[in-house]
Amino acid sequence: MELKLGDVQTTALIPLAVKANETLRPNARIKDRKAVEIIQALKIDTAQYDKFMSHEGVIARTIMLDRQLKGIIRKAPDTVIVNVGAGFDDRFSRVDNGRIAWFDLDLPDSIAARRKAFPERERVTMLAGNALENDWCRPVQEALVGRKAKPVFIAEGLFMYLTLDQIRTFLEVLKANFPNGGILIAEQNCKAMQKNEKHHDTVKNTKAHFMSGTDSGQEIADLTDGFQLVEEHSFNEEMKKHSIRGKLFAFLLPKMNDRWATFRW
């Protein structure tokens, strides 16, 4: 498989490597066979993309988001979900109930690479587009016709590569195109991590840069009228369950880890 990705899109190799390596462990906390298949096809050395803290962070965020999405789907079985900045993520396979409609949205080069790795699947649509523009919204709007549930948008490993102005634009795209409301679940990183990106154990091995950070998801909600912060949970909540280092990190640097923030409009 030939892979051509931009600087930011290359960061998709970090969760891909982590999920592949975790899947191959004897007591794997998550299973992602597609990640294993892609890594083997790419024949890349995962060492630079899979360091301890990134590994534990990716696994924690995966467990937490999978759990939250499954809860949403149980309450609203016909939910439409948009995975914004999808990269090589295969979350659909883990949360599908046989009824949801799923969209994987990413920039054209990422979707071109994704199409080589993923087959066409019923109820899953790959969208090549810019999340900050309106063009990608129409297929999602069409999928919502006849469905009662509000759409859900997930942004994993995305906001830190956008400026706050770009995040505001994204929120305004959501409001304008989905005026009946929806749910946004977005990963947040802190301002301290933005300032110290050169110390990040895996992102420092890419050419990507953190463009923003927040100390509270309320800072995101305040970017535009109509958005409300519903809840926010640090990855530490999950990481500290699995290792002594995770417990120490949560105790010594409680605000340094990324968080899942949920918003409504």
Protein backbone atom coordinates (compact mmCIF):
# COMPACT_ATOMS: atom_id res chain seq x y z
CA MET A 1 0.00 0.00 0.00
CA GLU A 2 1.44 3.38 -1.01
CA LEU A 3 0.76 6.13 1.52
CA LYS A 4 0.89 9.86 0.83
CA LEU A 5 -0.30 12.08 3.66
CA GLY A 6 0.15 15.71 4.65
CA ASP A 7 1.96 16.75 7.83
CA VAL A 8 -1.10 16.78 10.08
CA GLN A 9 -2.70 13.75 8.44
CA THR A 10 0.47 11.76 9.17
CA THR A 11 -0.47 11.94 12.86
CA ALA A 12 -3.19 9.38 12.01
CA LEU A 13 -0.38 6.82 12.07
CA ILE A 14 -0.04 7.32 15.85
CA PRO A 15 -3.44 5.88 16.89
CA LEU A 16 -3.18 3.36 14.06
CA ALA A 17 0.13 2.00 15.37
CA VAL A 18 -1.09 2.01 18.97
CA LYS A 19 -4.32 0.15 18.16
CA ALA A 20 -2.47 -2.40 16.03
CA ASN A 21 0.11 -3.12 18.71
CA GLU A 22 -2.50 -3.25 21.48
CA THR A 23 -4.60 -5.70 19.46
CA LEU A 24 -1.64 -8.08 19.26
CA ARG A 25 -1.12 -8.10 23.03
CA PRO A 26 -2.28 -11.19 24.97
CA ASN A 27 -4.76 -9.23 27.11
CA ALA A 28 -5.68 -6.54 24.61
CA ARG A 29 -7.99 -3.84 26.02
CA ILE A 30 -9.33 -3.06 22.55
CA LYS A 31 -9.42 -5.07 19.33
CA ASP A 32 -8.78 -3.40 15.97
CA ARG A 33 -7.93 -6.04 13.34
CA LYS A 34 -8.12 -3.45 10.58
CA ALA A 35 -5.31 -1.47 12.24
CA VAL A 36 -3.15 -4.61 12.32
CA GLU A 37 -3.91 -5.27 8.66
CA ILE A 38 -3.03 -1.71 7.60
CA ILE A 39 0.22 -1.58 9.58
CA GLN A 40 1.30 -4.90 8.11
CA ALA A 41 0.43 -3.72 4.60
CA LEU A 42 2.33 -0.45 5.07
CA LYS A 43 5.37 -2.29 6.44
CA ILE A 44 6.27 0.66 8.67
CA ASP A 45 8.27 0.66 11.88
CA THR A 46 5.76 1.66 14.56
CA ALA A 47 8.38 2.50 17.20
CA GLN A 48 8.30 6.26 16.61
CA TYR A 49 4.50 6.31 16.71
CA ASP A 50 3.94 4.09 19.73
CA LYS A 51 5.46 5.35 22.99
CA PHE A 52 4.13 4.56 26.45
CA MET A 53 2.18 7.74 27.24
CA SER A 54 0.72 8.04 23.74
CA HIS A 55 -0.15 4.35 23.82
CA GLU A 56 -1.99 4.63 27.13
CA GLY A 57 -3.66 7.88 26.06
CA VAL A 58 -4.94 6.46 22.78
CA ILE A 59 -6.24 3.31 24.46
CA ALA A 60 -7.95 5.37 27.19
CA ARG A 61 -9.61 7.73 24.74
CA THR A 62 -10.71 4.80 22.58
CA ILE A 63 -12.32 2.95 25.49
CA MET A 64 -14.00 6.13 26.75
CA LEU A 65 -15.40 7.24 23.40
CA ASP A 66 -16.55 3.75 22.41
CA ARG A 67 -18.39 3.53 25.74
CA GLN A 68 -20.03 6.93 25.29
CA LEU A 69 -21.10 6.26 21.70
CA LYS A 70 -22.57 2.88 22.59
CA GLY A 71 -24.63 4.62 25.28
CA ILE A 72 -25.90 7.19 22.80
CA ILE A 73 -26.74 4.48 20.27
CA ARG A 74 -28.64 2.42 22.84
CA LYS A 75 -30.90 5.41 23.50
CA ALA A 76 -31.17 6.40 19.81
CA PRO A 77 -30.64 3.31 17.61
CA ASP A 78 -31.00 5.21 14.31
CA THR A 79 -28.35 7.83 15.10
CA VAL A 80 -26.32 9.45 12.31
CA ILE A 81 -22.65 9.76 13.33
CA VAL A 82 -19.94 11.76 11.58
CA ASN A 83 -16.31 10.92 12.38
CA VAL A 84 -14.53 14.21 11.65
CA GLY A 85 -10.86 13.76 10.80
CA ALA A 86 -11.35 10.01 10.57
CA GLY A 87 -7.87 9.02 9.46
CA PHE A 88 -7.70 5.21 9.62
CA ASP A 89 -10.17 4.87 12.50
CA ASP A 90 -12.49 1.84 12.41
CA ARG A 91 -14.77 2.73 15.30
CA PHE A 92 -17.87 1.88 13.26
CA SER A 93 -16.97 -1.81 13.51
CA ARG A 94 -16.93 -1.63 17.30
CA VAL A 95 -20.14 0.33 17.90
CA ASP A 96 -22.41 -0.64 14.99
CA ASN A 97 -25.90 -1.84 15.96
CA GLY A 98 -27.06 -2.64 12.44
CA ARG A 99 -29.06 0.60 12.11
CA ILE A 100 -26.82 3.64 12.50
CA ALA A 101 -25.61 5.68 9.53
CA TRP A 102 -21.90 6.50 9.69
CA PHE A 103 -19.75 9.03 7.83
CA ASP A 104 -15.95 9.15 7.83
CA LEU A 105 -14.88 12.69 6.92
CA ASP A 106 -11.32 13.74 6.20
CA LEU A 107 -9.19 15.74 3.78
CA PRO A 108 -8.87 14.33 0.24
CA ASP A 109 -5.41 12.79 0.68
CA SER A 110 -6.50 11.01 3.86
CA ILE A 111 -9.67 9.69 2.27
CA ALA A 112 -7.70 8.53 -0.80
CA ALA A 113 -5.45 6.52 1.54
CA ARG A 114 -8.45 5.31 3.51
CA ARG A 115 -10.19 4.02 0.38
CA LYS A 116 -7.19 1.79 -0.28
CA ALA A 117 -7.48 0.28 3.19
CA PHE A 118 -11.23 0.06 3.76
CA PRO A 119 -13.88 -1.62 1.60
CA GLU A 120 -17.19 0.03 0.81
CA ARG A 121 -19.65 -0.91 3.55
CA GLU A 122 -23.39 -0.60 3.93
CA ARG A 123 -24.39 2.45 6.01
CA VAL A 124 -20.80 3.80 5.94
CA THR A 125 -19.88 6.70 3.67
CA MET A 126 -16.40 8.15 3.17
CA LEU A 127 -16.44 11.91 2.60
CA ALA A 128 -13.48 13.80 1.16
CA GLY A 129 -13.76 17.39 2.27
CA ASN A 130 -12.70 20.18 4.58
CA ALA A 131 -14.56 20.21 7.90
CA LEU A 132 -14.38 24.02 7.88
CA GLU A 133 -16.46 24.24 4.69
CA ASN A 134 -20.09 23.39 3.97
CA ASP A 135 -19.75 20.98 1.04
CA TRP A 136 -19.58 17.76 3.08
CA CYS A 137 -22.79 18.47 4.98
CA ARG A 138 -25.38 17.64 2.30
CA PRO A 139 -24.99 13.81 2.39
CA VAL A 140 -25.31 13.93 6.17
CA GLN A 141 -28.42 16.11 5.94
CA GLU A 142 -29.93 13.61 3.51
CA ALA A 143 -29.16 10.72 5.87
CA LEU A 144 -31.01 12.51 8.67
CA VAL A 145 -34.31 12.55 6.76
CA GLY A 146 -36.78 10.29 8.52
CA ARG A 147 -34.54 9.76 11.55
CA LYS A 148 -35.55 11.10 14.95
CA ALA A 149 -32.16 11.20 16.63
CA LYS A 150 -29.99 14.29 16.52
CA PRO A 151 -26.70 13.84 14.64
CA VAL A 152 -23.51 13.10 16.54
CA PHE A 153 -20.15 14.50 15.46
CA ILE A 154 -16.91 13.15 16.92
CA ALA A 155 -13.56 14.91 16.60
CA GLU A 156 -10.73 12.72 17.85
CA GLY A 157 -7.19 14.06 17.53
CA LEU A 158 -8.38 17.09 15.55
CA PHE A 159 -8.92 20.27 17.55
CA MET A 160 -5.29 20.56 18.68
CA TYR A 161 -4.28 20.94 15.02
CA LEU A 162 -6.77 23.78 14.48
CA THR A 163 -6.57 27.37 15.67
CA LEU A 164 -9.38 28.64 17.88
CA ASP A 165 -10.63 30.68 14.91
CA GLN A 166 -10.77 27.51 12.81
CA ILE A 167 -12.62 25.68 15.58
CA ARG A 168 -15.10 28.57 15.70
CA THR A 169 -15.61 28.21 11.95
CA PHE A 170 -16.26 24.48 12.38
CA LEU A 171 -18.85 25.13 15.09
CA GLU A 172 -20.56 27.67 12.86
CA VAL A 173 -20.64 25.14 10.00
CA LEU A 174 -22.40 22.70 12.33
CA LYS A 175 -24.93 25.29 13.50
CA ALA A 176 -25.70 26.55 10.00
CA ASN A 177 -26.11 23.14 8.38
CA PHE A 178 -27.77 21.29 11.28
CA PRO A 179 -30.07 23.95 12.75
CA ASN A 180 -32.18 21.43 14.66
CA GLY A 181 -29.24 20.73 16.94
CA GLY A 182 -26.78 17.95 17.53
CA ILE A 183 -24.05 16.55 19.75
CA LEU A 184 -20.32 17.19 19.37
CA ILE A 185 -17.78 15.04 21.23
CA ALA A 186 -14.33 16.57 20.77
CA GLU A 187 -10.91 15.76 22.17
CA GLN A 188 -9.29 18.68 23.98
CA ASN A 189 -5.65 19.22 24.80
CA CYS A 190 -4.33 21.72 27.32
CA LYS A 191 -2.52 25.00 26.77
CA ALA A 192 0.58 23.66 28.53
CA MET A 193 0.83 20.80 26.03
CA GLN A 194 0.51 23.24 23.15
CA LYS A 195 3.46 25.23 24.52
CA ASN A 196 5.52 22.09 25.12
CA GLU A 197 4.72 20.13 21.97
CA LYS A 198 8.41 19.39 21.39
CA HIS A 199 8.24 17.12 24.43
CA HIS A 200 5.26 15.08 23.19
CA ASP A 201 6.52 11.52 22.88
CA THR A 202 5.10 10.82 19.40
CA VAL A 203 3.85 14.03 17.76
CA LYS A 204 7.42 15.37 17.99
CA ASN A 205 8.34 12.66 15.48
CA THR A 206 6.01 14.19 12.88
CA LYS A 207 5.98 17.60 11.22
CA ALA A 208 2.63 18.51 12.77
CA HIS A 209 2.20 21.30 15.31
CA PHE A 210 -0.37 21.91 18.03
CA MET A 211 -2.24 25.07 17.03
CA SER A 212 -4.43 25.50 20.10
CA GLY A 213 -5.18 24.25 23.58
CA THR A 214 -7.78 24.84 26.29
CA ASP A 215 -7.96 24.44 30.04
CA SER A 216 -11.71 23.85 29.87
CA GLY A 217 -14.14 22.85 27.15
CA GLN A 218 -16.11 25.96 28.15
CA GLU A 219 -13.54 27.93 26.15
CA ILE A 220 -14.75 26.06 23.05
CA ALA A 221 -18.43 26.58 23.90
CA ASP A 222 -17.76 30.30 24.31
CA LEU A 223 -16.42 30.61 20.76
CA THR A 224 -19.90 30.94 19.29
CA ASP A 225 -23.46 31.43 20.51
CA GLY A 226 -25.69 28.43 21.07
CA PHE A 227 -23.12 25.80 22.10
CA GLN A 228 -23.29 24.32 25.58
CA LEU A 229 -20.64 22.25 27.36
CA VAL A 230 -22.42 19.16 28.70
CA GLU A 231 -19.55 17.24 30.32
CA GLU A 232 -15.81 16.81 30.20
CA HIS A 233 -13.64 13.87 31.27
CA SER A 234 -9.86 13.58 31.44
CA PHE A 235 -8.21 10.55 29.88
CA ASN A 236 -6.64 10.14 33.33
CA GLU A 237 -9.94 8.65 34.51
CA GLU A 238 -9.27 5.60 32.36
CA MET A 239 -5.46 5.61 32.23
CA LYS A 240 -5.04 5.35 36.00
CA LYS A 241 -6.96 2.05 35.98
CA HIS A 242 -4.30 0.25 33.95
CA SER A 243 -0.78 1.09 35.17
CA ILE A 244 1.27 2.55 38.00
CA ARG A 245 2.69 5.13 35.59
CA GLY A 246 -0.85 6.09 34.62
CA LYS A 247 -1.77 6.56 38.28
CA LEU A 248 1.36 8.65 38.90
CA PHE A 249 0.73 10.82 35.85
CA ALA A 250 -2.86 11.43 36.94
CA PHE A 251 -1.69 12.34 40.46
CA LEU A 252 1.33 14.49 39.56
CA LEU A 253 0.03 16.16 36.39
CA PRO A 254 -3.76 15.99 36.62
CA LYS A 255 -4.37 18.80 34.11
CA MET A 256 -1.80 17.78 31.49
CA ASN A 257 -3.75 14.96 29.88
CA ASP A 258 -6.26 15.32 27.05
CA ARG A 259 -10.00 15.28 27.74
CA TRP A 260 -13.23 14.32 26.03
CA ALA A 261 -15.66 17.25 26.01
CA THR A 262 -19.30 16.87 24.97
CA PHE A 263 -21.27 19.80 23.59
CA ARG A 264 -24.85 20.37 22.46
CA TRP A 265 -26.44 23.06 20.34
